[in-house]
Amino acid sequence: MNCPCCSGKSYEECCKPYHTKEKSAPTAEALMRSRFSAFAIPNGKYLMETTSPSKRQFHNTRDLQEWGEINEWTKLEIINKPSMNKVEFKAFYTDENGENHVHHELSTFKMIQNRWFYVSGDFLE
């Protein structure tokens, strides 16, 4: 299976090792790609585990899992990497009503004890 993150690699050699905890994402972009794949598969537990501990109270595993399940995540585009801990991307998806959407975000990540975590995102037009 091709990896949902649109890296051009197979899932097994791309995001799966992060999802199964065999490896930790080595960069903010790799973590962002693995989180997109976790929405596409879906894997709400991974999404929660890779959210910064200080921000977890604003999320829950069930809602993250459901957001992945009710939408079809079709494509990821990396737009810009303005710094080591920021990634601008567009995530394309089709909602439960068959409508196409683009989620355009500038995400901020943080390295904590040699692991990257998602901290927050600013929605862009």
PDB file of N, CA and C in Angstrom:
ATOM      1  N   MET A   1       0.857  -1.180   0.000  1.00  0.00           N
ATOM      2  CA  MET A   1       0.000   0.000   0.000  1.00  0.00           C
ATOM      3  C   MET A   1       0.899   1.238   0.000  1.00  0.00           C
ATOM      4  N   ASN A   2       0.573   2.205  -0.862  1.00  0.00           N
ATOM      5  CA  ASN A   2       1.283   3.481  -0.846  1.00  0.00           C
ATOM      6  C   ASN A   2       0.956   4.218   0.442  1.00  0.00           C
ATOM      7  N   CYS A   3       1.948   4.921   0.974  1.00  0.00           N
ATOM      8  CA  CYS A   3       1.716   5.641   2.216  1.00  0.00           C
ATOM      9  C   CYS A   3       0.729   6.779   1.977  1.00  0.00           C
ATOM     10  N   PRO A   4      -0.257   6.925   2.856  1.00  0.00           N
ATOM     11  CA  PRO A   4      -1.242   8.001   2.704  1.00  0.00           C
ATOM     12  C   PRO A   4      -0.625   9.399   2.707  1.00  0.00           C
ATOM     13  N   CYS A   5       0.597   9.555   3.252  1.00  0.00           N
ATOM     14  CA  CYS A   5       1.200  10.884   3.378  1.00  0.00           C
ATOM     15  C   CYS A   5       1.753  11.419   2.063  1.00  0.00           C
ATOM     16  N   CYS A   6       1.616  10.633   0.987  1.00  0.00           N
ATOM     17  CA  CYS A   6       2.026  11.060  -0.362  1.00  0.00           C
ATOM     18  C   CYS A   6       3.541  11.223  -0.500  1.00  0.00           C
ATOM     19  N   SER A   7       4.302  10.452   0.266  1.00  0.00           N
ATOM     20  CA  SER A   7       5.766  10.507   0.177  1.00  0.00           C
ATOM     21  C   SER A   7       6.290   9.778  -1.052  1.00  0.00           C
ATOM     22  N   GLY A   8       5.452   8.910  -1.627  1.00  0.00           N
ATOM     23  CA  GLY A   8       5.895   8.080  -2.742  1.00  0.00           C
ATOM     24  C   GLY A   8       6.459   6.746  -2.284  1.00  0.00           C
ATOM     25  N   LYS A   9       6.555   6.551  -0.976  1.00  0.00           N
ATOM     26  CA  LYS A   9       7.051   5.294  -0.410  1.00  0.00           C
ATOM     27  C   LYS A   9       5.874   4.417  -0.008  1.00  0.00           C
ATOM     28  N   SER A  10       6.167   3.163   0.291  1.00  0.00           N
ATOM     29  CA  SER A  10       5.125   2.283   0.812  1.00  0.00           C
ATOM     30  C   SER A  10       4.860   2.662   2.269  1.00  0.00           C
ATOM     31  N   TYR A  11       3.674   2.352   2.744  1.00  0.00           N
ATOM     32  CA  TYR A  11       3.318   2.614   4.137  1.00  0.00           C
ATOM     33  C   TYR A  11       4.302   1.926   5.078  1.00  0.00           C
ATOM     34  N   GLU A  12       4.693   0.688   4.745  1.00  0.00           N
ATOM     35  CA  GLU A  12       5.593  -0.091   5.595  1.00  0.00           C
ATOM     36  C   GLU A  12       6.950   0.578   5.767  1.00  0.00           C
ATOM     37  N   GLU A  13       7.447   1.267   4.726  1.00  0.00           N
ATOM     38  CA  GLU A  13       8.764   1.901   4.837  1.00  0.00           C
ATOM     39  C   GLU A  13       8.679   3.392   5.130  1.00  0.00           C
ATOM     40  N   CYS A  14       7.477   3.899   5.344  1.00  0.00           N
ATOM     41  CA  CYS A  14       7.311   5.329   5.594  1.00  0.00           C
ATOM     42  C   CYS A  14       6.726   5.565   6.993  1.00  0.00           C
ATOM     43  N   CYS A  15       5.428   5.644   7.120  1.00  0.00           N
ATOM     44  CA  CYS A  15       4.785   6.030   8.385  1.00  0.00           C
ATOM     45  C   CYS A  15       4.498   4.880   9.352  1.00  0.00           C
ATOM     46  N   LYS A  16       4.388   3.671   8.849  1.00  0.00           N
ATOM     47  CA  LYS A  16       4.041   2.550   9.729  1.00  0.00           C
ATOM     48  C   LYS A  16       5.004   2.386  10.905  1.00  0.00           C
ATOM     49  N   PRO A  17       6.348   2.486  10.715  1.00  0.00           N
ATOM     50  CA  PRO A  17       7.239   2.333  11.870  1.00  0.00           C
ATOM     51  C   PRO A  17       6.996   3.364  12.972  1.00  0.00           C
ATOM     52  N   TYR A  18       6.486   4.537  12.611  1.00  0.00           N
ATOM     53  CA  TYR A  18       6.146   5.545  13.619  1.00  0.00           C
ATOM     54  C   TYR A  18       4.849   5.160  14.323  1.00  0.00           C
ATOM     55  N   HIS A  19       3.889   4.684  13.550  1.00  0.00           N
ATOM     56  CA  HIS A  19       2.593   4.303  14.121  1.00  0.00           C
ATOM     57  C   HIS A  19       2.731   3.119  15.079  1.00  0.00           C
ATOM     58  N   THR A  20       3.663   2.214  14.779  1.00  0.00           N
ATOM     59  CA  THR A  20       3.846   1.026  15.621  1.00  0.00           C
ATOM     60  C   THR A  20       4.911   1.227  16.703  1.00  0.00           C
ATOM     61  N   LYS A  21       5.447   2.438  16.792  1.00  0.00           N
ATOM     62  CA  LYS A  21       6.456   2.820  17.785  1.00  0.00           C
ATOM     63  C   LYS A  21       7.795   2.124  17.604  1.00  0.00           C
ATOM     64  N   GLU A  22       8.044   1.559  16.409  1.00  0.00           N
ATOM     65  CA  GLU A  22       9.367   1.000  16.128  1.00  0.00           C
ATOM     66  C   GLU A  22      10.398   2.116  16.049  1.00  0.00           C
ATOM     67  N   LYS A  23       9.956   3.284  15.588  1.00  0.00           N
ATOM     68  CA  LYS A  23      10.818   4.455  15.451  1.00  0.00           C
ATOM     69  C   LYS A  23      10.030   5.685  15.866  1.00  0.00           C
ATOM     70  N   SER A  24      10.766   6.747  16.163  1.00  0.00           N
ATOM     71  CA  SER A  24      10.153   8.063  16.371  1.00  0.00           C
ATOM     72  C   SER A  24      10.455   8.909  15.140  1.00  0.00           C
ATOM     73  N   ALA A  25       9.529   9.756  14.776  1.00  0.00           N
ATOM     74  CA  ALA A  25       9.722  10.631  13.614  1.00  0.00           C
ATOM     75  C   ALA A  25      10.964  11.494  13.835  1.00  0.00           C
ATOM     76  N   PRO A  26      11.892  11.519  12.871  1.00  0.00           N
ATOM     77  CA  PRO A  26      13.150  12.245  13.060  1.00  0.00           C
ATOM     78  C   PRO A  26      13.058  13.755  12.855  1.00  0.00           C
ATOM     79  N   THR A  27      11.981  14.216  12.228  1.00  0.00           N
ATOM     80  CA  THR A  27      11.819  15.649  11.957  1.00  0.00           C
ATOM     81  C   THR A  27      10.367  16.046  12.183  1.00  0.00           C
ATOM     82  N   ALA A  28      10.143  17.354  12.284  1.00  0.00           N
ATOM     83  CA  ALA A  28       8.770  17.852  12.403  1.00  0.00           C
ATOM     84  C   ALA A  28       7.954  17.461  11.173  1.00  0.00           C
ATOM     85  N   GLU A  29       8.553  17.553   9.986  1.00  0.00           N
ATOM     86  CA  GLU A  29       7.823  17.170   8.778  1.00  0.00           C
ATOM     87  C   GLU A  29       7.451  15.692   8.799  1.00  0.00           C
ATOM     88  N   ALA A  30       8.362  14.839   9.207  1.00  0.00           N
ATOM     89  CA  ALA A  30       8.062  13.400   9.277  1.00  0.00           C
ATOM     90  C   ALA A  30       6.917  13.139  10.250  1.00  0.00           C
ATOM     91  N   LEU A  31       6.914  13.847  11.375  1.00  0.00           N
ATOM     92  CA  LEU A  31       5.810  13.685  12.328  1.00  0.00           C
ATOM     93  C   LEU A  31       4.509  14.178  11.716  1.00  0.00           C
ATOM     94  N   MET A  32       4.550  15.318  11.039  1.00  0.00           N
ATOM     95  CA  MET A  32       3.338  15.854  10.414  1.00  0.00           C
ATOM     96  C   MET A  32       2.797  14.873   9.376  1.00  0.00           C
ATOM     97  N   ARG A  33       3.681  14.311   8.553  1.00  0.00           N
ATOM     98  CA  ARG A  33       3.250  13.321   7.560  1.00  0.00           C
ATOM     99  C   ARG A  33       2.636  12.101   8.239  1.00  0.00           C
ATOM    100  N   SER A  34       3.265  11.641   9.326  1.00  0.00           N
ATOM    101  CA  SER A  34       2.745  10.459  10.017  1.00  0.00           C
ATOM    102  C   SER A  34       1.395  10.745  10.664  1.00  0.00           C
ATOM    103  N   ARG A  35       1.178  11.980  11.082  1.00  0.00           N
ATOM    104  CA  ARG A  35      -0.115  12.350  11.656  1.00  0.00           C
ATOM    105  C   ARG A  35      -1.181  12.393  10.562  1.00  0.00           C
ATOM    106  N   PHE A  36      -0.844  12.907   9.375  1.00  0.00           N
ATOM    107  CA  PHE A  36      -1.797  12.865   8.262  1.00  0.00           C
ATOM    108  C   PHE A  36      -2.176  11.407   7.982  1.00  0.00           C
ATOM    109  N   SER A  37      -1.171  10.535   7.907  1.00  0.00           N
ATOM    110  CA  SER A  37      -1.452   9.112   7.673  1.00  0.00           C
ATOM    111  C   SER A  37      -2.324   8.529   8.772  1.00  0.00           C
ATOM    112  N   ALA A  38      -2.119   8.992  10.001  1.00  0.00           N
ATOM    113  CA  ALA A  38      -2.922   8.491  11.120  1.00  0.00           C
ATOM    114  C   ALA A  38      -4.381   8.937  10.997  1.00  0.00           C
ATOM    115  N   PHE A  39      -4.630  10.093  10.397  1.00  0.00           N
ATOM    116  CA  PHE A  39      -6.013  10.475  10.113  1.00  0.00           C
ATOM    117  C   PHE A  39      -6.578   9.593   9.007  1.00  0.00           C
ATOM    118  N   ALA A  40      -5.770   9.296   7.994  1.00  0.00           N
ATOM    119  CA  ALA A  40      -6.234   8.529   6.839  1.00  0.00           C
ATOM    120  C   ALA A  40      -6.521   7.076   7.176  1.00  0.00           C
ATOM    121  N   ILE A  41      -5.798   6.500   8.125  1.00  0.00           N
ATOM    122  CA  ILE A  41      -5.917   5.051   8.373  1.00  0.00           C
ATOM    123  C   ILE A  41      -7.188   4.624   9.116  1.00  0.00           C
ATOM    124  N   PRO A  42      -7.749   5.177  10.100  1.00  0.00           N
ATOM    125  CA  PRO A  42      -7.310   6.160  11.071  1.00  0.00           C
ATOM    126  C   PRO A  42      -6.708   5.506  12.312  1.00  0.00           C
ATOM    127  N   ASN A  43      -5.954   6.338  13.058  1.00  0.00           N
ATOM    128  CA  ASN A  43      -5.281   5.875  14.266  1.00  0.00           C
ATOM    129  C   ASN A  43      -5.303   7.016  15.296  1.00  0.00           C
ATOM    130  N   GLY A  44      -6.447   7.182  15.946  1.00  0.00           N
ATOM    131  CA  GLY A  44      -6.627   8.252  16.918  1.00  0.00           C
ATOM    132  C   GLY A  44      -5.675   8.169  18.091  1.00  0.00           C
ATOM    133  N   LYS A  45      -5.304   6.957  18.477  1.00  0.00           N
ATOM    134  CA  LYS A  45      -4.381   6.782  19.602  1.00  0.00           C
ATOM    135  C   LYS A  45      -3.030   7.413  19.267  1.00  0.00           C
ATOM    136  N   TYR A  46      -2.523   7.179  18.067  1.00  0.00           N
ATOM    137  CA  TYR A  46      -1.245   7.767  17.653  1.00  0.00           C
ATOM    138  C   TYR A  46      -1.350   9.288  17.626  1.00  0.00           C
ATOM    139  N   LEU A  47      -2.456   9.802  17.120  1.00  0.00           N
ATOM    140  CA  LEU A  47      -2.636  11.255  17.063  1.00  0.00           C
ATOM    141  C   LEU A  47      -2.583  11.854  18.467  1.00  0.00           C
ATOM    142  N   MET A  48      -3.211  11.193  19.413  1.00  0.00           N
ATOM    143  CA  MET A  48      -3.196  11.697  20.788  1.00  0.00           C
ATOM    144  C   MET A  48      -1.792  11.591  21.388  1.00  0.00           C
ATOM    145  N   GLU A  49      -1.128  10.476  21.146  1.00  0.00           N
ATOM    146  CA  GLU A  49       0.210  10.254  21.705  1.00  0.00           C
ATOM    147  C   GLU A  49       1.243  11.227  21.140  1.00  0.00           C
ATOM    148  N   THR A  50       1.020  11.751  19.929  1.00  0.00           N
ATOM    149  CA  THR A  50       1.983  12.657  19.311  1.00  0.00           C
ATOM    150  C   THR A  50       1.575  14.118  19.458  1.00  0.00           C
ATOM    151  N   THR A  51       0.534  14.364  20.245  1.00  0.00           N
ATOM    152  CA  THR A  51       0.156  15.729  20.616  1.00  0.00           C
ATOM    153  C   THR A  51       0.944  16.092  21.861  1.00  0.00           C
ATOM    154  N   SER A  52       1.457  17.309  21.901  1.00  0.00           N
ATOM    155  CA  SER A  52       2.239  17.771  23.049  1.00  0.00           C
ATOM    156  C   SER A  52       1.469  17.514  24.342  1.00  0.00           C
ATOM    157  N   PRO A  53       2.129  16.935  25.352  1.00  0.00           N
ATOM    158  CA  PRO A  53       1.435  16.665  26.623  1.00  0.00           C
ATOM    159  C   PRO A  53       0.719  17.895  27.193  1.00  0.00           C
ATOM    160  N   SER A  54       1.285  19.087  26.978  1.00  0.00           N
ATOM    161  CA  SER A  54       0.657  20.303  27.509  1.00  0.00           C
ATOM    162  C   SER A  54      -0.615  20.691  26.764  1.00  0.00           C
ATOM    163  N   LYS A  55      -0.870  20.069  25.614  1.00  0.00           N
ATOM    164  CA  LYS A  55      -2.049  20.407  24.801  1.00  0.00           C
ATOM    165  C   LYS A  55      -3.085  19.292  24.763  1.00  0.00           C
ATOM    166  N   ARG A  56      -2.807  18.168  25.377  1.00  0.00           N
ATOM    167  CA  ARG A  56      -3.713  17.013  25.283  1.00  0.00           C
ATOM    168  C   ARG A  56      -5.072  17.260  25.897  1.00  0.00           C
ATOM    169  N   GLN A  57      -5.165  18.162  26.870  1.00  0.00           N
ATOM    170  CA  GLN A  57      -6.463  18.406  27.496  1.00  0.00           C
ATOM    171  C   GLN A  57      -7.462  19.012  26.501  1.00  0.00           C
ATOM    172  N   PHE A  58      -6.975  19.520  25.377  1.00  0.00           N
ATOM    173  CA  PHE A  58      -7.855  20.126  24.368  1.00  0.00           C
ATOM    174  C   PHE A  58      -8.317  19.113  23.319  1.00  0.00           C
ATOM    175  N   HIS A  59      -7.899  17.859  23.444  1.00  0.00           N
ATOM    176  CA  HIS A  59      -8.204  16.810  22.460  1.00  0.00           C
ATOM    177  C   HIS A  59      -8.620  15.541  23.191  1.00  0.00           C
ATOM    178  N   ASN A  60      -9.204  14.616  22.443  1.00  0.00           N
ATOM    179  CA  ASN A  60      -9.400  13.281  22.989  1.00  0.00           C
ATOM    180  C   ASN A  60      -9.320  12.257  21.864  1.00  0.00           C
ATOM    181  N   THR A  61      -8.891  11.061  22.230  1.00  0.00           N
ATOM    182  CA  THR A  61      -8.627  10.009  21.255  1.00  0.00           C
ATOM    183  C   THR A  61      -9.858   9.678  20.428  1.00  0.00           C
ATOM    184  N   ARG A  62     -11.010   9.613  21.061  1.00  0.00           N
ATOM    185  CA  ARG A  62     -12.243   9.238  20.357  1.00  0.00           C
ATOM    186  C   ARG A  62     -12.578  10.240  19.252  1.00  0.00           C
ATOM    187  N   ASP A  63     -12.479  11.541  19.558  1.00  0.00           N
ATOM    188  CA  ASP A  63     -12.778  12.561  18.550  1.00  0.00           C
ATOM    189  C   ASP A  63     -11.765  12.535  17.414  1.00  0.00           C
ATOM    190  N   LEU A  64     -10.494  12.325  17.732  1.00  0.00           N
ATOM    191  CA  LEU A  64      -9.460  12.247  16.691  1.00  0.00           C
ATOM    192  C   LEU A  64      -9.710  11.038  15.789  1.00  0.00           C
ATOM    193  N   GLN A  65     -10.070   9.920  16.398  1.00  0.00           N
ATOM    194  CA  GLN A  65     -10.379   8.697  15.631  1.00  0.00           C
ATOM    195  C   GLN A  65     -11.590   8.938  14.731  1.00  0.00           C
ATOM    196  N   GLU A  66     -12.624   9.547  15.290  1.00  0.00           N
ATOM    197  CA  GLU A  66     -13.845   9.803  14.522  1.00  0.00           C
ATOM    198  C   GLU A  66     -13.590  10.764  13.357  1.00  0.00           C
ATOM    199  N   TRP A  67     -12.785  11.806  13.589  1.00  0.00           N
ATOM    200  CA  TRP A  67     -12.469  12.767  12.524  1.00  0.00           C
ATOM    201  C   TRP A  67     -11.786  12.043  11.364  1.00  0.00           C
ATOM    202  N   GLY A  68     -10.936  11.069  11.692  1.00  0.00           N
ATOM    203  CA  GLY A  68     -10.305  10.264  10.654  1.00  0.00           C
ATOM    204  C   GLY A  68     -11.298   9.370   9.933  1.00  0.00           C
ATOM    205  N   GLU A  69     -12.211   8.770  10.691  1.00  0.00           N
ATOM    206  CA  GLU A  69     -13.165   7.814  10.117  1.00  0.00           C
ATOM    207  C   GLU A  69     -14.205   8.464   9.220  1.00  0.00           C
ATOM    208  N   ILE A  70     -14.712   9.641   9.595  1.00  0.00           N
ATOM    209  CA  ILE A  70     -15.829  10.221   8.834  1.00  0.00           C
ATOM    210  C   ILE A  70     -15.374  10.944   7.565  1.00  0.00           C
ATOM    211  N   ASN A  71     -14.060  11.166   7.426  1.00  0.00           N
ATOM    212  CA  ASN A  71     -13.541  11.834   6.241  1.00  0.00           C
ATOM    213  C   ASN A  71     -12.627  10.901   5.466  1.00  0.00           C
ATOM    214  N   GLU A  72     -12.568  11.115   4.156  1.00  0.00           N
ATOM    215  CA  GLU A  72     -11.632  10.376   3.318  1.00  0.00           C
ATOM    216  C   GLU A  72     -10.469  11.315   3.022  1.00  0.00           C
ATOM    217  N   TRP A  73      -9.313  10.991   3.589  1.00  0.00           N
ATOM    218  CA  TRP A  73      -8.115  11.826   3.468  1.00  0.00           C
ATOM    219  C   TRP A  73      -7.397  11.440   2.195  1.00  0.00           C
ATOM    220  N   THR A  74      -7.392  12.331   1.208  1.00  0.00           N
ATOM    221  CA  THR A  74      -6.979  11.955  -0.138  1.00  0.00           C
ATOM    222  C   THR A  74      -5.584  12.402  -0.553  1.00  0.00           C
ATOM    223  N   LYS A  75      -5.084  13.501   0.020  1.00  0.00           N
ATOM    224  CA  LYS A  75      -3.796  13.994  -0.454  1.00  0.00           C
ATOM    225  C   LYS A  75      -3.186  14.950   0.558  1.00  0.00           C
ATOM    226  N   LEU A  76      -1.859  14.922   0.627  1.00  0.00           N
ATOM    227  CA  LEU A  76      -1.119  15.846   1.481  1.00  0.00           C
ATOM    228  C   LEU A  76      -0.095  16.581   0.623  1.00  0.00           C
ATOM    229  N   GLU A  77      -0.050  17.899   0.760  1.00  0.00           N
ATOM    230  CA  GLU A  77       0.960  18.715   0.090  1.00  0.00           C
ATOM    231  C   GLU A  77       1.727  19.500   1.142  1.00  0.00           C
ATOM    232  N   ILE A  78       3.037  19.368   1.125  1.00  0.00           N
ATOM    233  CA  ILE A  78       3.887  20.205   1.978  1.00  0.00           C
ATOM    234  C   ILE A  78       4.111  21.493   1.192  1.00  0.00           C
ATOM    235  N   ILE A  79       3.722  22.609   1.765  1.00  0.00           N
ATOM    236  CA  ILE A  79       3.832  23.897   1.080  1.00  0.00           C
ATOM    237  C   ILE A  79       5.157  24.574   1.416  1.00  0.00           C
ATOM    238  N   ASN A  80       5.522  24.569   2.699  1.00  0.00           N
ATOM    239  CA  ASN A  80       6.689  25.312   3.141  1.00  0.00           C
ATOM    240  C   ASN A  80       7.148  24.776   4.494  1.00  0.00           C
ATOM    241  N   LYS A  81       8.446  24.862   4.732  1.00  0.00           N
ATOM    242  CA  LYS A  81       9.012  24.540   6.047  1.00  0.00           C
ATOM    243  C   LYS A  81       9.808  25.766   6.484  1.00  0.00           C
ATOM    244  N   PRO A  82       9.134  26.748   7.073  1.00  0.00           N
ATOM    245  CA  PRO A  82       9.799  28.002   7.400  1.00  0.00           C
ATOM    246  C   PRO A  82      10.853  27.901   8.495  1.00  0.00           C
ATOM    247  N   SER A  83      10.803  26.838   9.291  1.00  0.00           N
ATOM    248  CA  SER A  83      11.812  26.623  10.326  1.00  0.00           C
ATOM    249  C   SER A  83      11.818  25.143  10.689  1.00  0.00           C
ATOM    250  N   MET A  84      12.758  24.772  11.562  1.00  0.00           N
ATOM    251  CA  MET A  84      12.896  23.367  11.952  1.00  0.00           C
ATOM    252  C   MET A  84      11.643  22.832  12.639  1.00  0.00           C
ATOM    253  N   ASN A  85      10.889  23.715  13.319  1.00  0.00           N
ATOM    254  CA  ASN A  85       9.738  23.234  14.092  1.00  0.00           C
ATOM    255  C   ASN A  85       8.387  23.685  13.529  1.00  0.00           C
ATOM    256  N   LYS A  86       8.371  24.175  12.293  1.00  0.00           N
ATOM    257  CA  LYS A  86       7.106  24.591  11.665  1.00  0.00           C
ATOM    258  C   LYS A  86       6.983  23.966  10.282  1.00  0.00           C
ATOM    259  N   VAL A  87       5.757  23.561   9.947  1.00  0.00           N
ATOM    260  CA  VAL A  87       5.476  22.986   8.635  1.00  0.00           C
ATOM    261  C   VAL A  87       4.136  23.532   8.152  1.00  0.00           C
ATOM    262  N   GLU A  88       4.145  24.102   6.954  1.00  0.00           N
ATOM    263  CA  GLU A  88       2.901  24.539   6.314  1.00  0.00           C
ATOM    264  C   GLU A  88       2.484  23.452   5.337  1.00  0.00           C
ATOM    265  N   PHE A  89       1.205  23.074   5.421  1.00  0.00           N
ATOM    266  CA  PHE A  89       0.718  21.994   4.553  1.00  0.00           C
ATOM    267  C   PHE A  89      -0.730  22.227   4.162  1.00  0.00           C
ATOM    268  N   LYS A  90      -1.133  21.474   3.142  1.00  0.00           N
ATOM    269  CA  LYS A  90      -2.535  21.383   2.759  1.00  0.00           C
ATOM    270  C   LYS A  90      -2.921  19.910   2.791  1.00  0.00           C
ATOM    271  N   ALA A  91      -3.966  19.613   3.555  1.00  0.00           N
ATOM    272  CA  ALA A  91      -4.515  18.261   3.637  1.00  0.00           C
ATOM    273  C   ALA A  91      -5.857  18.273   2.908  1.00  0.00           C
ATOM    274  N   PHE A  92      -5.969  17.443   1.900  1.00  0.00           N
ATOM    275  CA  PHE A  92      -7.186  17.361   1.091  1.00  0.00           C
ATOM    276  C   PHE A  92      -8.015  16.187   1.587  1.00  0.00           C
ATOM    277  N   TYR A  93      -9.323  16.439   1.752  1.00  0.00           N
ATOM    278  CA  TYR A  93     -10.207  15.365   2.205  1.00  0.00           C
ATOM    279  C   TYR A  93     -11.616  15.577   1.683  1.00  0.00           C
ATOM    280  N   THR A  94     -12.359  14.488   1.696  1.00  0.00           N
ATOM    281  CA  THR A  94     -13.770  14.496   1.326  1.00  0.00           C
ATOM    282  C   THR A  94     -14.552  14.166   2.580  1.00  0.00           C
ATOM    283  N   ASP A  95     -15.543  15.014   2.905  1.00  0.00           N
ATOM    284  CA  ASP A  95     -16.301  14.795   4.139  1.00  0.00           C
ATOM    285  C   ASP A  95     -17.397  13.752   3.937  1.00  0.00           C
ATOM    286  N   GLU A  96     -18.136  13.497   5.010  1.00  0.00           N
ATOM    287  CA  GLU A  96     -19.167  12.457   4.994  1.00  0.00           C
ATOM    288  C   GLU A  96     -20.303  12.751   4.019  1.00  0.00           C
ATOM    289  N   ASN A  97     -20.428  14.012   3.575  1.00  0.00           N
ATOM    290  CA  ASN A  97     -21.458  14.386   2.595  1.00  0.00           C
ATOM    291  C   ASN A  97     -20.927  14.398   1.170  1.00  0.00           C
ATOM    292  N   GLY A  98     -19.681  13.957   0.992  1.00  0.00           N
ATOM    293  CA  GLY A  98     -19.092  13.903  -0.338  1.00  0.00           C
ATOM    294  C   GLY A  98     -18.526  15.233  -0.818  1.00  0.00           C
ATOM    295  N   GLU A  99     -18.426  16.214   0.078  1.00  0.00           N
ATOM    296  CA  GLU A  99     -17.874  17.517  -0.298  1.00  0.00           C
ATOM    297  C   GLU A  99     -16.368  17.531  -0.092  1.00  0.00           C
ATOM    298  N   ASN A 100     -15.653  18.109  -1.054  1.00  0.00           N
ATOM    299  CA  ASN A 100     -14.196  18.198  -0.979  1.00  0.00           C
ATOM    300  C   ASN A 100     -13.777  19.425  -0.179  1.00  0.00           C
ATOM    301  N   HIS A 101     -12.706  19.249   0.620  1.00  0.00           N
ATOM    302  CA  HIS A 101     -12.191  20.324   1.462  1.00  0.00           C
ATOM    303  C   HIS A 101     -10.670  20.329   1.412  1.00  0.00           C
ATOM    304  N   VAL A 102     -10.106  21.491   1.743  1.00  0.00           N
ATOM    305  CA  VAL A 102      -8.659  21.620   1.909  1.00  0.00           C
ATOM    306  C   VAL A 102      -8.417  22.235   3.282  1.00  0.00           C
ATOM    307  N   HIS A 103      -7.663  21.524   4.096  1.00  0.00           N
ATOM    308  CA  HIS A 103      -7.271  22.016   5.420  1.00  0.00           C
ATOM    309  C   HIS A 103      -5.853  22.570   5.245  1.00  0.00           C
ATOM    310  N   HIS A 104      -5.723  23.901   5.268  1.00  0.00           N
ATOM    311  CA  HIS A 104      -4.440  24.578   5.062  1.00  0.00           C
ATOM    312  C   HIS A 104      -3.978  25.097   6.412  1.00  0.00           C
ATOM    313  N   GLU A 105      -2.819  24.640   6.861  1.00  0.00           N
ATOM    314  CA  GLU A 105      -2.382  24.933   8.227  1.00  0.00           C
ATOM    315  C   GLU A 105      -0.877  25.162   8.284  1.00  0.00           C
ATOM    316  N   LEU A 106      -0.483  26.036   9.193  1.00  0.00           N
ATOM    317  CA  LEU A 106       0.914  26.172   9.582  1.00  0.00           C
ATOM    318  C   LEU A 106       1.011  25.579  10.983  1.00  0.00           C
ATOM    319  N   SER A 107       1.623  24.409  11.079  1.00  0.00           N
ATOM    320  CA  SER A 107       1.703  23.684  12.345  1.00  0.00           C
ATOM    321  C   SER A 107       3.020  23.961  13.046  1.00  0.00           C
ATOM    322  N   THR A 108       2.949  23.973  14.363  1.00  0.00           N
ATOM    323  CA  THR A 108       4.127  24.125  15.197  1.00  0.00           C
ATOM    324  C   THR A 108       4.353  22.821  15.958  1.00  0.00           C
ATOM    325  N   PHE A 109       5.596  22.396  15.987  1.00  0.00           N
ATOM    326  CA  PHE A 109       6.001  21.162  16.649  1.00  0.00           C
ATOM    327  C   PHE A 109       7.081  21.477  17.674  1.00  0.00           C
ATOM    328  N   LYS A 110       7.255  20.571  18.636  1.00  0.00           N
ATOM    329  CA  LYS A 110       8.267  20.776  19.671  1.00  0.00           C
ATOM    330  C   LYS A 110       8.963  19.456  19.963  1.00  0.00           C
ATOM    331  N   MET A 111      10.267  19.523  20.121  1.00  0.00           N
ATOM    332  CA  MET A 111      11.053  18.345  20.499  1.00  0.00           C
ATOM    333  C   MET A 111      11.070  18.261  22.026  1.00  0.00           C
ATOM    334  N   ILE A 112      10.602  17.119  22.550  1.00  0.00           N
ATOM    335  CA  ILE A 112      10.606  16.866  23.993  1.00  0.00           C
ATOM    336  C   ILE A 112      11.250  15.501  24.211  1.00  0.00           C
ATOM    337  N   GLN A 113      12.333  15.466  24.940  1.00  0.00           N
ATOM    338  CA  GLN A 113      13.057  14.213  25.221  1.00  0.00           C
ATOM    339  C   GLN A 113      13.311  13.404  23.950  1.00  0.00           C
ATOM    340  N   ASN A 114      13.869  14.088  22.946  1.00  0.00           N
ATOM    341  CA  ASN A 114      14.249  13.470  21.666  1.00  0.00           C
ATOM    342  C   ASN A 114      13.085  12.933  20.842  1.00  0.00           C
ATOM    343  N   ARG A 115      11.882  13.447  21.087  1.00  0.00           N
ATOM    344  CA  ARG A 115      10.712  13.075  20.276  1.00  0.00           C
ATOM    345  C   ARG A 115       9.981  14.339  19.873  1.00  0.00           C
ATOM    346  N   TRP A 116       9.499  14.348  18.626  1.00  0.00           N
ATOM    347  CA  TRP A 116       8.713  15.475  18.131  1.00  0.00           C
ATOM    348  C   TRP A 116       7.261  15.306  18.543  1.00  0.00           C
ATOM    349  N   PHE A 117       6.613  16.437  18.882  1.00  0.00           N
ATOM    350  CA  PHE A 117       5.192  16.463  19.228  1.00  0.00           C
ATOM    351  C   PHE A 117       4.529  17.625  18.502  1.00  0.00           C
ATOM    352  N   TYR A 118       3.260  17.437  18.131  1.00  0.00           N
ATOM    353  CA  TYR A 118       2.437  18.509  17.574  1.00  0.00           C
ATOM    354  C   TYR A 118       2.009  19.419  18.718  1.00  0.00           C
ATOM    355  N   VAL A 119       2.202  20.725  18.548  1.00  0.00           N
ATOM    356  CA  VAL A 119       1.814  21.688  19.584  1.00  0.00           C
ATOM    357  C   VAL A 119       0.539  22.423  19.190  1.00  0.00           C
ATOM    358  N   SER A 120       0.533  23.031  18.012  1.00  0.00           N
ATOM    359  CA  SER A 120      -0.630  23.812  17.587  1.00  0.00           C
ATOM    360  C   SER A 120      -0.569  24.073  16.097  1.00  0.00           C
ATOM    361  N   GLY A 121      -1.681  24.596  15.582  1.00  0.00           N
ATOM    362  CA  GLY A 121      -1.728  24.925  14.169  1.00  0.00           C
ATOM    363  C   GLY A 121      -2.528  26.196  13.935  1.00  0.00           C
ATOM    364  N   ASP A 122      -2.060  26.995  13.007  1.00  0.00           N
ATOM    365  CA  ASP A 122      -2.786  28.182  12.575  1.00  0.00           C
ATOM    366  C   ASP A 122      -3.401  27.884  11.220  1.00  0.00           C
ATOM    367  N   PHE A 123      -4.718  28.040  11.117  1.00  0.00           N
ATOM    368  CA  PHE A 123      -5.405  27.818   9.859  1.00  0.00           C
ATOM    369  C   PHE A 123      -5.103  28.969   8.903  1.00  0.00           C
ATOM    370  N   LEU A 124      -4.839  28.632   7.663  1.00  0.00           N
ATOM    371  CA  LEU A 124      -4.537  29.607   6.629  1.00  0.00           C
ATOM    372  C   LEU A 124      -5.594  29.541   5.553  1.00  0.00           C
ATOM    373  N   GLU A 125      -5.790  30.651   4.868  1.00  0.00           N
ATOM    374  CA  GLU A 125      -6.785  30.684   3.772  1.00  0.00           C
ATOM    375  C   GLU A 125      -6.219  30.056   2.512  1.00  0.00           C
TER     376      GLU A 125
END
